[in-house]
């Protein structure tokens, strides 16, 4: 993938992204050396318009990098979660280590709002990773009381 394309998308440079895709439409599915697409980069930012544009241009919301990480695993805002799920992202997709997007967010220092969005949209709150831990196990290990309360509210205990 062109580093320029990835950076332009991540920084919301719509004109540059449009021009580059017009010149080379294959960029939409191209990856960097670790398998990340431009949509992966945008998912962790507040680039909702860019994410929508990339999806309209054919970006795969379930694209996996070399470790099985998808844009939804990296989503850093509830609005991005909602957009990706609405556009076909598998809310319970697993990475190579068995982590779902919810399990990833349970391990993040931030992530409460994203966890809440995932749960509201139907994420499996009882899913376990490759080590057999579910989201509440991870939240307990991290002593994340708010996340524990949220998970209990959604039936994990």
Protein backbone atom coordinates (compact mmCIF):
# COMPACT_ATOMS: atom_id res chain seq x y z
CA UNK A 1 0.00 0.00 0.00
CA UNK A 2 1.06 3.51 -0.58
CA UNK A 3 2.04 5.07 2.73
CA UNK A 4 0.76 8.34 1.32
CA UNK A 5 -2.71 6.82 0.80
CA UNK A 6 -2.82 5.37 4.33
CA UNK A 7 -1.67 8.65 5.88
CA UNK A 8 -4.05 10.75 3.78
CA UNK A 9 -6.99 8.58 4.85
CA UNK A 10 -5.98 8.54 8.51
CA UNK A 11 -5.60 12.33 8.59
CA UNK A 12 -8.88 12.91 6.75
CA UNK A 13 -7.40 14.36 3.58
CA UNK A 14 -10.46 13.60 1.47
CA UNK A 15 -9.30 15.32 -1.71
CA UNK A 16 -6.01 13.41 -1.76
CA UNK A 17 -7.74 10.10 -1.07
CA UNK A 18 -10.30 10.70 -3.85
CA UNK A 19 -7.56 11.60 -6.33
CA UNK A 20 -5.42 8.60 -5.42
CA UNK A 21 -8.36 6.19 -5.69
CA UNK A 22 -9.37 7.69 -9.04
CA UNK A 23 -5.85 7.01 -10.26
CA UNK A 24 -5.54 3.55 -8.67
CA UNK A 25 -8.79 1.96 -7.39
CA UNK A 26 -6.88 -1.06 -6.05
CA UNK A 27 -5.56 1.09 -3.20
CA UNK A 28 -8.88 0.58 -1.39
CA UNK A 29 -7.96 -3.03 -0.55
CA UNK A 30 -4.21 -2.63 -0.34
CA UNK A 31 -2.37 -3.32 2.91
CA UNK A 32 0.83 -2.30 4.58
CA UNK A 33 3.54 -4.76 5.62
CA UNK A 34 1.46 -5.89 8.63
CA UNK A 35 -1.78 -6.29 6.70
CA UNK A 36 -3.45 -3.06 7.82
CA UNK A 37 -5.75 -1.31 5.36
CA UNK A 38 -6.57 2.39 5.31
CA UNK A 39 -9.86 1.53 7.02
CA UNK A 40 -7.89 0.03 9.92
CA UNK A 41 -6.08 3.35 10.31
CA UNK A 42 -9.25 5.41 10.10
CA UNK A 43 -11.13 3.21 12.60
CA UNK A 44 -8.99 4.39 15.49
CA UNK A 45 -9.57 8.05 14.68
CA UNK A 46 -12.57 10.37 14.57
CA UNK A 47 -12.60 10.13 10.77
CA UNK A 48 -16.24 9.07 10.34
CA UNK A 49 -16.71 10.76 6.97
CA UNK A 50 -13.52 9.16 5.67
CA UNK A 51 -14.57 5.74 6.96
CA UNK A 52 -17.91 6.10 5.19
CA UNK A 53 -16.15 7.14 1.99
CA UNK A 54 -13.71 4.21 2.14
CA UNK A 55 -16.57 1.78 2.74
CA UNK A 56 -18.50 3.28 -0.19
CA UNK A 57 -15.37 2.83 -2.31
CA UNK A 58 -15.22 -0.88 -1.45
CA UNK A 59 -13.18 -1.16 1.74
CA UNK A 60 -13.85 -4.43 3.56
CA UNK A 61 -15.14 -3.81 7.11
CA UNK A 62 -13.97 -7.33 8.03
CA UNK A 63 -10.45 -7.06 6.56
CA UNK A 64 -7.94 -8.80 8.83
CA UNK A 65 -4.32 -7.87 9.30
CA UNK A 66 -1.58 -10.45 9.87
CA UNK A 67 -2.82 -11.05 13.44
CA UNK A 68 -6.49 -11.21 12.49
CA UNK A 69 -7.23 -7.69 13.75
CA UNK A 70 -10.09 -5.94 11.96
CA UNK A 71 -11.08 -2.27 11.87
CA UNK A 72 -13.74 -3.02 14.50
CA UNK A 73 -11.06 -4.31 16.90
CA UNK A 74 -9.40 -0.90 16.55
CA UNK A 75 -12.52 1.30 16.71
CA UNK A 76 -11.93 4.02 19.27
CA UNK A 77 -15.32 5.75 19.20
CA UNK A 78 -18.90 4.47 19.57
CA UNK A 79 -19.85 6.23 16.33
CA UNK A 80 -17.18 4.25 14.47
CA UNK A 81 -18.46 1.00 15.99
CA UNK A 82 -21.98 1.85 14.85
CA UNK A 83 -20.81 2.76 11.35
CA UNK A 84 -18.71 -0.37 10.89
CA UNK A 85 -21.44 -2.69 12.20
CA UNK A 86 -24.08 -0.97 10.08
CA UNK A 87 -21.82 -1.47 7.05
CA UNK A 88 -21.32 -5.19 7.66
CA UNK A 89 -18.58 -5.62 10.25
CA UNK A 90 -18.95 -8.88 12.18
CA UNK A 91 -19.40 -7.73 15.77
CA UNK A 92 -18.03 -11.01 17.17
CA UNK A 93 -15.18 -11.56 14.70
CA UNK A 94 -12.07 -13.09 16.26
CA UNK A 95 -8.42 -12.22 15.87
CA UNK A 96 -5.73 -14.91 15.72
CA UNK A 97 -5.54 -15.02 19.54
CA UNK A 98 -9.31 -15.43 19.79
CA UNK A 99 -10.08 -11.88 20.87
CA UNK A 100 -13.33 -10.27 19.79
CA UNK A 101 -13.64 -6.48 19.55
CA UNK A 102 -15.35 -6.51 22.97
CA UNK A 103 -12.46 -8.41 24.56
CA UNK A 104 -9.97 -5.95 23.06
CA UNK A 105 -11.92 -3.02 24.52
CA UNK A 106 -12.11 -4.71 27.93
CA UNK A 107 -8.30 -4.67 27.95
CA UNK A 108 -7.97 -1.03 26.85
CA UNK A 109 -7.37 1.73 29.41
CA UNK A 110 -10.16 3.67 27.74
CA UNK A 111 -12.91 1.83 25.96
CA UNK A 112 -15.98 2.05 28.19
CA UNK A 113 -18.06 3.92 25.58
CA UNK A 114 -16.92 1.59 22.82
CA UNK A 115 -17.73 -1.45 24.99
CA UNK A 116 -21.18 -0.04 25.67
CA UNK A 117 -21.79 0.44 21.93
CA UNK A 118 -20.60 -3.09 21.14
CA UNK A 119 -22.85 -4.58 23.82
CA UNK A 120 -25.83 -2.48 22.75
CA UNK A 121 -25.34 -3.68 19.16
CA UNK A 122 -25.26 -7.34 20.17
CA UNK A 123 -21.67 -8.30 20.95
CA UNK A 124 -21.42 -11.64 22.74
CA UNK A 125 -20.58 -10.57 26.29
CA UNK A 126 -19.70 -14.15 27.24
CA UNK A 127 -17.20 -14.77 24.41
CA UNK A 128 -13.78 -15.96 25.57
CA UNK A 129 -10.33 -15.44 24.11
CA UNK A 130 -7.73 -18.12 23.41
CA UNK A 131 -6.81 -18.17 27.10
CA UNK A 132 -10.42 -18.78 28.14
CA UNK A 133 -10.99 -15.28 29.54
CA UNK A 134 -14.20 -13.35 28.91
CA UNK A 135 -14.62 -9.57 29.06
CA UNK A 136 -15.47 -9.49 32.76
CA UNK A 137 -12.40 -11.60 33.59
CA UNK A 138 -10.26 -9.07 31.75
CA UNK A 139 -12.01 -6.10 33.38
CA UNK A 140 -11.49 -7.68 36.81
CA UNK A 141 -7.79 -8.25 36.13
CA UNK A 142 -7.50 -4.58 35.22
CA UNK A 143 -9.66 -3.50 38.19
CA UNK A 144 -12.00 -1.61 35.84
CA UNK A 145 -15.07 -1.26 38.08
CA UNK A 146 -17.14 0.73 35.56
CA UNK A 147 -16.56 -1.90 32.89
CA UNK A 148 -17.44 -4.67 35.35
CA UNK A 149 -20.73 -2.92 36.19
CA UNK A 150 -21.48 -2.49 32.48
CA UNK A 151 -20.87 -6.17 31.78
CA UNK A 152 -23.02 -7.22 34.75
CA UNK A 153 -25.78 -5.00 33.35
CA UNK A 154 -25.53 -7.02 30.11
CA UNK A 155 -25.76 -10.34 31.93
CA UNK A 156 -22.17 -11.36 32.55
CA UNK A 157 -21.38 -12.13 36.14
